[in-house]
Amino acid sequence: MIYRILGLDPGTNYMGYGVLEVDGKSLTPVVLGDIDLHKISDPYDKLRYIFERVKALVCEYSPSEVALESPFFGQNVQSMLKLGRAQGVAMAAALSCNKSVSEYAPTRIKQAITGTGAASKEQVASIVIRTLKIENPPKRLDATDGMAVALCHYFATSSPINQALGTDKVKGLGGDKTARRRGTKSWSQFVSENPNRVKK
């Protein structure tokens, strides 16, 4: 079965993207690049442009799935808010095209590509380029970051363990929904069996 994954690395100045084609175990980079946002001063115009460009990428390359890097936790609240908005708009664009969307934490993406969650952008780019045999590397690392998200999603979903979990896989950080369900069920069972232990 041949399918495509669109990986997005949301940003407020540049949004990296990469489209990965999967044919069995064969991986082919279809396109990678970045959406230039740094010249757009109005924040709402920037969000509109992100929506339109992501939607255009989905329409042009017809990915089956879209994967995004989730915002990292930092000390600058304003930066995190802007980044979260950019990610949300990109996600909405994919969802408006009826595409499945998944999120991955930055450290998980780095670990999937390099084996360590503390890898630099340069290390990620180097391995992505070697793995996919990209002959003309992009100028900016945002593009390889976008392709790294697509690769991470492929590794996560092609794993036999993750395939066994199926739709119970939590989209985002790779947790197992069944663990949450078991916890909720156990707590409900505990409450029903021990009503005197619950404070009201």
N, C-alpha and C. Protein backbone atom coordinates (compact mmCIF):
# COMPACT_ATOMS: atom_id res chain seq x y z
N MET A 1 0.84 -1.19 0.00
CA MET A 1 0.00 0.00 0.00
C MET A 1 0.88 1.26 0.00
N ILE A 2 0.60 2.14 -0.92
CA ILE A 2 1.36 3.39 -1.03
C ILE A 2 0.53 4.52 -0.41
N TYR A 3 1.17 5.27 0.46
CA TYR A 3 0.49 6.42 1.05
C TYR A 3 1.51 7.50 1.37
N ARG A 4 1.01 8.68 1.69
CA ARG A 4 1.89 9.82 1.97
C ARG A 4 1.60 10.42 3.35
N ILE A 5 2.66 10.93 3.95
CA ILE A 5 2.56 11.61 5.25
C ILE A 5 3.08 13.03 5.07
N LEU A 6 2.29 14.01 5.51
CA LEU A 6 2.75 15.40 5.52
C LEU A 6 3.20 15.73 6.93
N GLY A 7 4.48 16.08 7.09
CA GLY A 7 5.01 16.48 8.39
C GLY A 7 5.15 17.99 8.45
N LEU A 8 4.72 18.57 9.57
CA LEU A 8 4.78 20.03 9.73
C LEU A 8 5.49 20.39 11.01
N ASP A 9 6.40 21.35 10.89
CA ASP A 9 7.09 21.90 12.06
C ASP A 9 6.64 23.35 12.20
N PRO A 10 5.59 23.59 12.99
CA PRO A 10 5.02 24.94 13.09
C PRO A 10 6.02 25.95 13.63
N GLY A 11 5.95 27.15 13.09
CA GLY A 11 6.80 28.23 13.56
C GLY A 11 6.13 29.55 13.25
N THR A 12 6.61 30.62 13.86
CA THR A 12 6.02 31.94 13.63
C THR A 12 6.78 32.73 12.56
N ASN A 13 7.99 32.31 12.24
CA ASN A 13 8.76 32.95 11.16
C ASN A 13 8.87 32.03 9.94
N TYR A 14 9.11 30.77 10.19
CA TYR A 14 9.15 29.76 9.12
C TYR A 14 8.45 28.51 9.62
N MET A 15 7.63 27.93 8.76
CA MET A 15 6.99 26.66 9.08
C MET A 15 7.54 25.61 8.15
N GLY A 16 8.28 24.65 8.69
CA GLY A 16 8.87 23.62 7.86
C GLY A 16 7.87 22.54 7.51
N TYR A 17 8.03 21.96 6.32
CA TYR A 17 7.14 20.87 5.92
C TYR A 17 7.90 19.84 5.10
N GLY A 18 7.40 18.62 5.12
CA GLY A 18 7.98 17.56 4.31
C GLY A 18 6.91 16.53 4.00
N VAL A 19 6.89 16.07 2.77
CA VAL A 19 5.95 15.02 2.37
C VAL A 19 6.74 13.75 2.11
N LEU A 20 6.39 12.70 2.83
CA LEU A 20 7.08 11.42 2.74
C LEU A 20 6.15 10.39 2.11
N GLU A 21 6.63 9.72 1.07
CA GLU A 21 5.82 8.66 0.43
C GLU A 21 6.30 7.31 0.95
N VAL A 22 5.35 6.50 1.38
CA VAL A 22 5.65 5.19 1.93
C VAL A 22 5.10 4.12 1.01
N ASP A 23 5.97 3.22 0.57
CA ASP A 23 5.57 2.08 -0.27
C ASP A 23 6.15 0.83 0.38
N GLY A 24 5.37 0.20 1.23
CA GLY A 24 5.88 -0.91 2.02
C GLY A 24 6.92 -0.38 3.00
N LYS A 25 8.16 -0.83 2.84
CA LYS A 25 9.26 -0.32 3.67
C LYS A 25 10.14 0.67 2.93
N SER A 26 9.73 1.02 1.73
CA SER A 26 10.47 1.99 0.93
C SER A 26 9.96 3.40 1.21
N LEU A 27 10.90 4.31 1.54
CA LEU A 27 10.55 5.69 1.87
C LEU A 27 11.13 6.63 0.83
N THR A 28 10.30 7.51 0.30
CA THR A 28 10.74 8.46 -0.72
C THR A 28 10.33 9.88 -0.32
N PRO A 29 11.29 10.81 -0.28
CA PRO A 29 10.92 12.20 -0.01
C PRO A 29 10.29 12.82 -1.26
N VAL A 30 9.06 13.27 -1.15
CA VAL A 30 8.37 13.87 -2.29
C VAL A 30 8.74 15.34 -2.41
N VAL A 31 8.67 16.06 -1.30
CA VAL A 31 9.01 17.48 -1.29
C VAL A 31 9.30 17.89 0.15
N LEU A 32 10.19 18.85 0.31
CA LEU A 32 10.39 19.46 1.62
C LEU A 32 10.79 20.91 1.41
N GLY A 33 10.33 21.74 2.34
CA GLY A 33 10.60 23.17 2.21
C GLY A 33 10.09 23.90 3.43
N ASP A 34 9.90 25.20 3.30
CA ASP A 34 9.39 25.96 4.43
C ASP A 34 8.47 27.07 3.93
N ILE A 35 7.53 27.42 4.78
CA ILE A 35 6.61 28.51 4.50
C ILE A 35 7.18 29.76 5.17
N ASP A 36 7.51 30.76 4.37
CA ASP A 36 8.14 31.97 4.88
C ASP A 36 7.07 32.91 5.45
N LEU A 37 7.17 33.17 6.74
CA LEU A 37 6.18 34.00 7.43
C LEU A 37 6.76 35.28 8.00
N HIS A 38 8.08 35.41 7.98
CA HIS A 38 8.70 36.49 8.75
C HIS A 38 8.43 37.89 8.20
N LYS A 39 7.97 37.97 6.93
CA LYS A 39 7.68 39.28 6.36
C LYS A 39 6.24 39.73 6.62
N ILE A 40 5.42 38.85 7.19
CA ILE A 40 4.02 39.20 7.48
C ILE A 40 3.95 39.74 8.89
N SER A 41 3.65 41.01 9.03
CA SER A 41 3.68 41.65 10.35
C SER A 41 2.40 41.45 11.14
N ASP A 42 1.26 41.47 10.47
CA ASP A 42 -0.01 41.32 11.17
C ASP A 42 -0.20 39.86 11.61
N PRO A 43 -0.40 39.61 12.89
CA PRO A 43 -0.48 38.23 13.38
C PRO A 43 -1.66 37.45 12.80
N TYR A 44 -2.77 38.15 12.51
CA TYR A 44 -3.93 37.46 11.96
C TYR A 44 -3.75 37.15 10.48
N ASP A 45 -3.07 38.03 9.77
CA ASP A 45 -2.73 37.73 8.38
C ASP A 45 -1.79 36.53 8.31
N LYS A 46 -0.92 36.45 9.28
CA LYS A 46 0.03 35.33 9.35
C LYS A 46 -0.72 34.02 9.56
N LEU A 47 -1.69 34.02 10.46
CA LEU A 47 -2.48 32.80 10.71
C LEU A 47 -3.29 32.41 9.48
N ARG A 48 -3.86 33.41 8.80
CA ARG A 48 -4.62 33.12 7.58
C ARG A 48 -3.71 32.50 6.52
N TYR A 49 -2.50 33.04 6.40
CA TYR A 49 -1.55 32.53 5.40
C TYR A 49 -1.14 31.09 5.72
N ILE A 50 -0.92 30.80 6.99
CA ILE A 50 -0.59 29.43 7.39
C ILE A 50 -1.70 28.48 6.99
N PHE A 51 -2.94 28.87 7.29
CA PHE A 51 -4.10 28.04 6.95
C PHE A 51 -4.15 27.77 5.45
N GLU A 52 -4.01 28.83 4.66
CA GLU A 52 -4.11 28.69 3.21
C GLU A 52 -2.99 27.84 2.63
N ARG A 53 -1.76 28.04 3.13
CA ARG A 53 -0.60 27.31 2.59
C ARG A 53 -0.65 25.83 2.98
N VAL A 54 -1.03 25.55 4.21
CA VAL A 54 -1.13 24.14 4.63
C VAL A 54 -2.23 23.43 3.85
N LYS A 55 -3.34 24.11 3.67
CA LYS A 55 -4.44 23.53 2.89
C LYS A 55 -4.00 23.27 1.45
N ALA A 56 -3.22 24.21 0.90
CA ALA A 56 -2.72 24.05 -0.47
C ALA A 56 -1.77 22.85 -0.57
N LEU A 57 -0.93 22.66 0.45
CA LEU A 57 -0.02 21.51 0.45
C LEU A 57 -0.81 20.20 0.49
N VAL A 58 -1.85 20.17 1.31
CA VAL A 58 -2.68 18.97 1.42
C VAL A 58 -3.36 18.68 0.08
N CYS A 59 -3.89 19.72 -0.56
CA CYS A 59 -4.57 19.55 -1.85
C CYS A 59 -3.60 19.11 -2.95
N GLU A 60 -2.38 19.66 -2.92
CA GLU A 60 -1.41 19.36 -3.98
C GLU A 60 -0.80 17.97 -3.85
N TYR A 61 -0.47 17.56 -2.63
CA TYR A 61 0.27 16.31 -2.46
C TYR A 61 -0.56 15.15 -1.92
N SER A 62 -1.80 15.43 -1.56
CA SER A 62 -2.76 14.40 -1.13
C SER A 62 -2.20 13.41 -0.10
N PRO A 63 -1.72 13.91 1.03
CA PRO A 63 -1.25 12.97 2.07
C PRO A 63 -2.44 12.25 2.71
N SER A 64 -2.19 11.03 3.16
CA SER A 64 -3.23 10.31 3.90
C SER A 64 -3.32 10.80 5.33
N GLU A 65 -2.17 11.21 5.87
CA GLU A 65 -2.09 11.63 7.26
C GLU A 65 -1.22 12.88 7.38
N VAL A 66 -1.51 13.66 8.41
CA VAL A 66 -0.72 14.87 8.68
C VAL A 66 -0.20 14.77 10.11
N ALA A 67 1.10 15.00 10.28
CA ALA A 67 1.72 14.95 11.61
C ALA A 67 2.36 16.30 11.90
N LEU A 68 2.21 16.76 13.15
CA LEU A 68 2.76 18.05 13.55
C LEU A 68 3.62 17.91 14.79
N GLU A 69 4.58 18.81 14.90
CA GLU A 69 5.33 18.90 16.15
C GLU A 69 4.51 19.73 17.12
N SER A 70 4.29 19.21 18.32
CA SER A 70 3.52 19.94 19.32
C SER A 70 4.40 21.03 19.94
N PRO A 71 3.79 22.13 20.41
CA PRO A 71 4.57 23.23 21.00
C PRO A 71 5.35 22.76 22.22
N PHE A 72 6.57 23.24 22.34
CA PHE A 72 7.39 22.90 23.51
C PHE A 72 7.05 23.86 24.65
N PHE A 73 7.37 23.46 25.85
CA PHE A 73 7.11 24.29 27.02
C PHE A 73 8.33 25.17 27.30
N GLY A 74 8.13 26.48 27.24
CA GLY A 74 9.23 27.41 27.47
C GLY A 74 8.83 28.47 28.47
N GLN A 75 9.77 29.33 28.79
CA GLN A 75 9.52 30.37 29.77
C GLN A 75 8.81 31.58 29.17
N ASN A 76 8.96 31.77 27.86
CA ASN A 76 8.34 32.91 27.20
C ASN A 76 6.89 32.56 26.82
N VAL A 77 5.96 33.06 27.61
CA VAL A 77 4.55 32.72 27.43
C VAL A 77 4.02 33.25 26.10
N GLN A 78 4.42 34.46 25.72
CA GLN A 78 3.95 35.04 24.46
C GLN A 78 4.40 34.20 23.26
N SER A 79 5.64 33.75 23.30
CA SER A 79 6.15 32.92 22.19
C SER A 79 5.40 31.61 22.11
N MET A 80 5.12 31.03 23.27
CA MET A 80 4.38 29.77 23.29
C MET A 80 2.97 29.95 22.77
N LEU A 81 2.36 31.07 23.11
CA LEU A 81 1.00 31.35 22.64
C LEU A 81 0.98 31.49 21.12
N LYS A 82 1.94 32.23 20.57
CA LYS A 82 2.01 32.42 19.12
C LYS A 82 2.25 31.09 18.41
N LEU A 83 3.14 30.29 18.97
CA LEU A 83 3.45 28.99 18.38
C LEU A 83 2.25 28.06 18.44
N GLY A 84 1.54 28.10 19.56
CA GLY A 84 0.35 27.27 19.71
C GLY A 84 -0.73 27.65 18.71
N ARG A 85 -0.88 28.95 18.47
CA ARG A 85 -1.85 29.41 17.48
C ARG A 85 -1.47 28.93 16.08
N ALA A 86 -0.19 29.03 15.75
CA ALA A 86 0.29 28.58 14.44
C ALA A 86 0.02 27.10 14.25
N GLN A 87 0.28 26.33 15.30
CA GLN A 87 0.04 24.90 15.22
C GLN A 87 -1.45 24.60 15.08
N GLY A 88 -2.27 25.32 15.86
CA GLY A 88 -3.72 25.10 15.81
C GLY A 88 -4.30 25.40 14.45
N VAL A 89 -3.83 26.47 13.82
CA VAL A 89 -4.33 26.84 12.49
C VAL A 89 -3.89 25.81 11.45
N ALA A 90 -2.64 25.33 11.55
CA ALA A 90 -2.16 24.30 10.63
C ALA A 90 -2.98 23.02 10.80
N MET A 91 -3.28 22.69 12.04
CA MET A 91 -4.08 21.51 12.34
C MET A 91 -5.49 21.66 11.76
N ALA A 92 -6.08 22.85 11.93
CA ALA A 92 -7.42 23.11 11.42
C ALA A 92 -7.46 22.99 9.90
N ALA A 93 -6.39 23.45 9.24
CA ALA A 93 -6.32 23.36 7.78
C ALA A 93 -6.35 21.91 7.33
N ALA A 94 -5.58 21.06 8.02
CA ALA A 94 -5.55 19.63 7.67
C ALA A 94 -6.90 18.98 7.96
N LEU A 95 -7.48 19.30 9.11
CA LEU A 95 -8.77 18.72 9.48
C LEU A 95 -9.88 19.16 8.53
N SER A 96 -9.77 20.39 8.01
CA SER A 96 -10.79 20.88 7.08
C SER A 96 -10.77 20.09 5.77
N CYS A 97 -9.65 19.40 5.51
CA CYS A 97 -9.53 18.55 4.32
C CYS A 97 -9.79 17.08 4.66
N ASN A 98 -10.34 16.86 5.86
CA ASN A 98 -10.67 15.50 6.33
C ASN A 98 -9.45 14.58 6.43
N LYS A 99 -8.35 15.15 6.88
CA LYS A 99 -7.13 14.37 7.06
C LYS A 99 -6.94 14.01 8.53
N SER A 100 -6.41 12.84 8.76
CA SER A 100 -6.07 12.41 10.12
C SER A 100 -4.87 13.22 10.60
N VAL A 101 -4.92 13.68 11.85
CA VAL A 101 -3.85 14.53 12.40
C VAL A 101 -3.26 13.89 13.65
N SER A 102 -1.94 13.91 13.75
CA SER A 102 -1.23 13.42 14.93
C SER A 102 -0.22 14.45 15.38
N GLU A 103 0.10 14.45 16.67
CA GLU A 103 1.09 15.37 17.22
C GLU A 103 2.19 14.59 17.93
N TYR A 104 3.39 15.15 17.88
CA TYR A 104 4.53 14.53 18.56
C TYR A 104 5.34 15.59 19.27
N ALA A 105 5.75 15.28 20.48
CA ALA A 105 6.59 16.20 21.26
C ALA A 105 7.95 16.35 20.58
N PRO A 106 8.57 17.52 20.67
CA PRO A 106 9.88 17.74 20.04
C PRO A 106 10.93 16.71 20.44
N THR A 107 10.96 16.36 21.73
CA THR A 107 11.97 15.39 22.19
C THR A 107 11.71 14.01 21.61
N ARG A 108 10.44 13.67 21.40
CA ARG A 108 10.13 12.36 20.84
C ARG A 108 10.56 12.29 19.37
N ILE A 109 10.38 13.40 18.65
CA ILE A 109 10.80 13.43 17.24
C ILE A 109 12.31 13.27 17.15
N LYS A 110 13.04 14.02 17.97
CA LYS A 110 14.50 13.93 17.96
C LYS A 110 14.96 12.52 18.32
N GLN A 111 14.29 11.92 19.29
CA GLN A 111 14.67 10.56 19.72
C GLN A 111 14.40 9.55 18.62
N ALA A 112 13.27 9.72 17.92
CA ALA A 112 12.92 8.80 16.83
C ALA A 112 13.93 8.87 15.69
N ILE A 113 14.46 10.06 15.44
CA ILE A 113 15.38 10.25 14.31
C ILE A 113 16.82 9.96 14.69
N THR A 114 17.25 10.46 15.85
CA THR A 114 18.68 10.38 16.21
C THR A 114 18.98 9.41 17.35
N GLY A 115 17.96 9.01 18.08
CA GLY A 115 18.19 8.13 19.23
C GLY A 115 18.32 8.88 20.54
N THR A 116 18.33 10.22 20.48
CA THR A 116 18.41 11.02 21.70
C THR A 116 17.50 12.23 21.59
N GLY A 117 16.78 12.52 22.67
CA GLY A 117 15.86 13.66 22.68
C GLY A 117 16.56 14.99 22.81
N ALA A 118 17.89 14.97 23.01
CA ALA A 118 18.65 16.21 23.18
C ALA A 118 19.43 16.58 21.93
N ALA A 119 19.12 15.95 20.79
CA ALA A 119 19.86 16.21 19.56
C ALA A 119 19.63 17.63 19.05
N SER A 120 20.61 18.16 18.34
CA SER A 120 20.49 19.50 17.75
C SER A 120 19.74 19.41 16.43
N LYS A 121 19.30 20.57 15.93
CA LYS A 121 18.61 20.62 14.64
C LYS A 121 19.54 20.15 13.52
N GLU A 122 20.83 20.45 13.67
CA GLU A 122 21.81 20.03 12.67
C GLU A 122 21.95 18.51 12.62
N GLN A 123 21.93 17.88 13.80
CA GLN A 123 22.02 16.41 13.85
C GLN A 123 20.79 15.77 13.23
N VAL A 124 19.62 16.33 13.53
CA VAL A 124 18.37 15.83 12.96
C VAL A 124 18.42 15.95 11.43
N ALA A 125 18.83 17.11 10.96
CA ALA A 125 18.90 17.36 9.51
C ALA A 125 19.85 16.38 8.83
N SER A 126 21.00 16.15 9.43
CA SER A 126 22.00 15.25 8.85
C SER A 126 21.46 13.84 8.69
N ILE A 127 20.77 13.34 9.70
CA ILE A 127 20.25 11.97 9.64
C ILE A 127 19.08 11.87 8.68
N VAL A 128 18.21 12.88 8.67
CA VAL A 128 17.09 12.89 7.72
C VAL A 128 17.61 12.85 6.29
N ILE A 129 18.62 13.66 6.00
CA ILE A 129 19.20 13.73 4.64
C ILE A 129 19.83 12.40 4.25
N ARG A 130 20.55 11.79 5.19
CA ARG A 130 21.19 10.49 4.90
C ARG A 130 20.16 9.38 4.77
N THR A 131 19.19 9.35 5.65
CA THR A 131 18.18 8.29 5.65
C THR A 131 17.38 8.28 4.35
N LEU A 132 17.00 9.47 3.90
CA LEU A 132 16.15 9.58 2.72
C LEU A 132 16.93 9.86 1.43
N LYS A 133 18.27 9.91 1.57
CA LYS A 133 19.14 10.13 0.41
C LYS A 133 18.72 11.40 -0.37
N ILE A 134 18.57 12.48 0.37
CA ILE A 134 18.18 13.76 -0.23
C ILE A 134 19.40 14.39 -0.89
N GLU A 135 19.36 14.54 -2.21
CA GLU A 135 20.52 15.01 -2.96
C GLU A 135 20.74 16.51 -2.85
N ASN A 136 19.67 17.27 -2.76
CA ASN A 136 19.78 18.73 -2.67
C ASN A 136 19.18 19.21 -1.35
N PRO A 137 19.97 19.20 -0.28
CA PRO A 137 19.45 19.60 1.03
C PRO A 137 18.92 21.04 1.01
N PRO A 138 17.86 21.30 1.74
CA PRO A 138 17.30 22.66 1.79
C PRO A 138 18.23 23.62 2.52
N LYS A 139 18.03 24.91 2.28
CA LYS A 139 18.88 25.92 2.92
C LYS A 139 18.60 26.04 4.41
N ARG A 140 17.31 25.95 4.78
CA ARG A 140 16.95 26.13 6.17
C ARG A 140 16.60 24.80 6.84
N LEU A 141 16.93 24.72 8.12
CA LEU A 141 16.71 23.48 8.87
C LEU A 141 15.23 23.26 9.19
N ASP A 142 14.41 24.28 8.99
CA ASP A 142 12.96 24.12 9.23
C ASP A 142 12.40 23.03 8.31
N ALA A 143 12.92 22.97 7.09
CA ALA A 143 12.43 21.99 6.12
C ALA A 143 12.75 20.56 6.56
N THR A 144 13.99 20.33 7.01
CA THR A 144 14.34 18.98 7.48
C THR A 144 13.62 18.66 8.78
N ASP A 145 13.32 19.68 9.57
CA ASP A 145 12.52 19.45 10.78
C ASP A 145 11.12 18.97 10.41
N GLY A 146 10.54 19.56 9.36
CA GLY A 146 9.23 19.13 8.90
C GLY A 146 9.25 17.69 8.42
N MET A 147 10.28 17.34 7.67
CA MET A 147 10.40 15.96 7.19
C MET A 147 10.66 15.00 8.35
N ALA A 148 11.37 15.48 9.38
CA ALA A 148 11.63 14.65 10.57
C ALA A 148 10.32 14.29 11.27
N VAL A 149 9.36 15.21 11.27
CA VAL A 149 8.05 14.93 11.87
C VAL A 149 7.36 13.81 11.09
N ALA A 150 7.42 13.89 9.76
CA ALA A 150 6.82 12.85 8.93
C ALA A 150 7.49 11.49 9.18
N LEU A 151 8.81 11.50 9.27
CA LEU A 151 9.56 10.27 9.55
C LEU A 151 9.19 9.69 10.92
N CYS A 152 9.10 10.57 11.92
CA CYS A 152 8.74 10.15 13.26
C CYS A 152 7.37 9.48 13.25
N HIS A 153 6.43 10.07 12.53
CA HIS A 153 5.08 9.49 12.45
C HIS A 153 5.12 8.12 11.78
N TYR A 154 5.94 8.00 10.74
CA TYR A 154 6.07 6.70 10.07
C TYR A 154 6.62 5.65 11.04
N PHE A 155 7.69 6.00 11.76
CA PHE A 155 8.28 5.06 12.71
C PHE A 155 7.28 4.68 13.80
N ALA A 156 6.52 5.66 14.27
CA ALA A 156 5.57 5.41 15.35
C ALA A 156 4.42 4.51 14.90
N THR A 157 3.92 4.74 13.69
CA THR A 157 2.75 3.98 13.24
C THR A 157 3.11 2.66 12.58
N SER A 158 4.36 2.51 12.13
CA SER A 158 4.75 1.25 11.49
C SER A 158 5.27 0.22 12.48
N SER A 159 5.48 0.64 13.72
CA SER A 159 5.94 -0.27 14.75
C SER A 159 4.90 -1.36 15.00
N PRO A 160 5.30 -2.64 15.07
CA PRO A 160 4.34 -3.72 15.33
C PRO A 160 3.55 -3.51 16.62
N ILE A 161 4.21 -2.96 17.64
CA ILE A 161 3.53 -2.72 18.91
C ILE A 161 2.43 -1.68 18.73
N ASN A 162 2.77 -0.59 18.02
CA ASN A 162 1.79 0.47 17.81
C ASN A 162 0.67 0.02 16.88
N GLN A 163 0.99 -0.83 15.92
CA GLN A 163 -0.05 -1.36 15.04
C GLN A 163 -1.02 -2.23 15.83
N ALA A 164 -0.50 -2.96 16.81
CA ALA A 164 -1.36 -3.79 17.64
C ALA A 164 -2.31 -2.95 18.48
N LEU A 165 -1.84 -1.75 18.89
CA LEU A 165 -2.69 -0.85 19.68
C LEU A 165 -3.78 -0.22 18.81
N GLY A 166 -3.49 -0.09 17.51
CA GLY A 166 -4.48 0.46 16.59
C GLY A 166 -4.94 1.85 16.97
N THR A 167 -6.26 2.05 16.97
CA THR A 167 -6.82 3.37 17.23
C THR A 167 -6.73 3.76 18.69
N ASP A 168 -6.25 2.86 19.54
CA ASP A 168 -6.11 3.21 20.95
C ASP A 168 -4.86 4.04 21.19
N LYS A 169 -4.06 4.25 20.16
CA LYS A 169 -2.86 5.06 20.31
C LYS A 169 -3.24 6.52 20.50
N VAL A 170 -2.72 7.15 21.52
CA VAL A 170 -3.03 8.56 21.76
C VAL A 170 -2.29 9.41 20.74
N LYS A 171 -3.02 10.21 20.00
CA LYS A 171 -2.38 11.11 19.05
C LYS A 171 -1.77 12.25 19.83
N GLY A 172 -0.50 12.40 19.71
CA GLY A 172 0.16 13.49 20.41
C GLY A 172 1.47 13.03 20.98
N LEU A 173 1.44 12.37 22.11
CA LEU A 173 2.68 12.02 22.77
C LEU A 173 2.92 10.52 22.80
N GLY A 174 2.08 9.76 22.11
CA GLY A 174 2.35 8.34 21.96
C GLY A 174 1.96 7.50 23.13
N GLY A 175 1.06 7.98 23.98
CA GLY A 175 0.61 7.17 25.11
C GLY A 175 -0.40 6.14 24.68
N ASP A 176 -0.86 5.37 25.59
CA ASP A 176 -1.81 4.32 25.30
C ASP A 176 -3.14 4.66 25.95
N LYS A 177 -4.16 4.83 25.16
CA LYS A 177 -5.46 5.21 25.70
C LYS A 177 -6.00 4.15 26.65
N THR A 178 -5.65 2.90 26.40
CA THR A 178 -6.19 1.84 27.25
C THR A 178 -5.73 2.02 28.68
N ALA A 179 -4.55 2.59 28.87
CA ALA A 179 -4.06 2.83 30.23
C ALA A 179 -4.97 3.82 30.93
N ARG A 180 -5.40 4.83 30.21
CA ARG A 180 -6.29 5.81 30.80
C ARG A 180 -7.64 5.19 31.11
N ARG A 181 -8.12 4.37 30.18
CA ARG A 181 -9.42 3.75 30.41
C ARG A 181 -9.37 2.82 31.61
N ARG A 182 -8.27 2.06 31.71
CA ARG A 182 -8.16 1.15 32.85
C ARG A 182 -8.13 1.93 34.15
N GLY A 183 -7.40 3.05 34.14
CA GLY A 183 -7.31 3.86 35.35
C GLY A 183 -8.67 4.40 35.75
N THR A 184 -9.43 4.87 34.77
CA THR A 184 -10.74 5.42 35.05
C THR A 184 -11.67 4.34 35.56
N LYS A 185 -11.59 3.17 34.93
CA LYS A 185 -12.45 2.08 35.34
C LYS A 185 -12.12 1.63 36.75
N SER A 186 -10.83 1.54 37.07
CA SER A 186 -10.40 1.11 38.39
C SER A 186 -10.86 2.11 39.45
N TRP A 187 -10.77 3.40 39.14
CA TRP A 187 -11.19 4.43 40.10
C TRP A 187 -12.69 4.36 40.33
N SER A 188 -13.46 4.18 39.24
CA SER A 188 -14.91 4.07 39.37
C SER A 188 -15.29 2.85 40.20
N GLN A 189 -14.57 1.77 39.94
CA GLN A 189 -14.82 0.54 40.68
C GLN A 189 -14.48 0.72 42.15
N PHE A 190 -13.37 1.42 42.42
CA PHE A 190 -12.96 1.68 43.80
C PHE A 190 -14.02 2.49 44.54
N VAL A 191 -14.55 3.54 43.86
CA VAL A 191 -15.56 4.40 44.49
C VAL A 191 -16.83 3.61 44.81
N SER A 192 -17.25 2.77 43.86
CA SER A 192 -18.48 2.01 44.08
C SER A 192 -18.33 0.97 45.18
N GLU A 193 -17.11 0.45 45.29
CA GLU A 193 -16.87 -0.57 46.31
C GLU A 193 -16.53 0.02 47.67
N ASN A 194 -16.10 1.29 47.70
CA ASN A 194 -15.70 1.93 48.96
C ASN A 194 -16.33 3.32 49.10
N PRO A 195 -17.66 3.40 49.15
CA PRO A 195 -18.32 4.72 49.23
C PRO A 195 -17.94 5.50 50.50
N ASN A 196 -17.62 4.79 51.56
CA ASN A 196 -17.27 5.45 52.81
C ASN A 196 -15.89 6.11 52.77
N ARG A 197 -15.08 5.77 51.76
CA ARG A 197 -13.74 6.34 51.64
C ARG A 197 -13.72 7.65 50.87
N VAL A 198 -14.86 7.99 50.24
CA VAL A 198 -14.92 9.19 49.40
C VAL A 198 -15.45 10.35 50.23
N LYS A 199 -14.69 11.44 50.25
CA LYS A 199 -15.10 12.64 51.00
C LYS A 199 -15.97 13.51 50.09
N LYS A 200 -17.08 13.99 50.66
CA LYS A 200 -17.99 14.84 49.89
C LYS A 200 -18.00 16.24 50.46
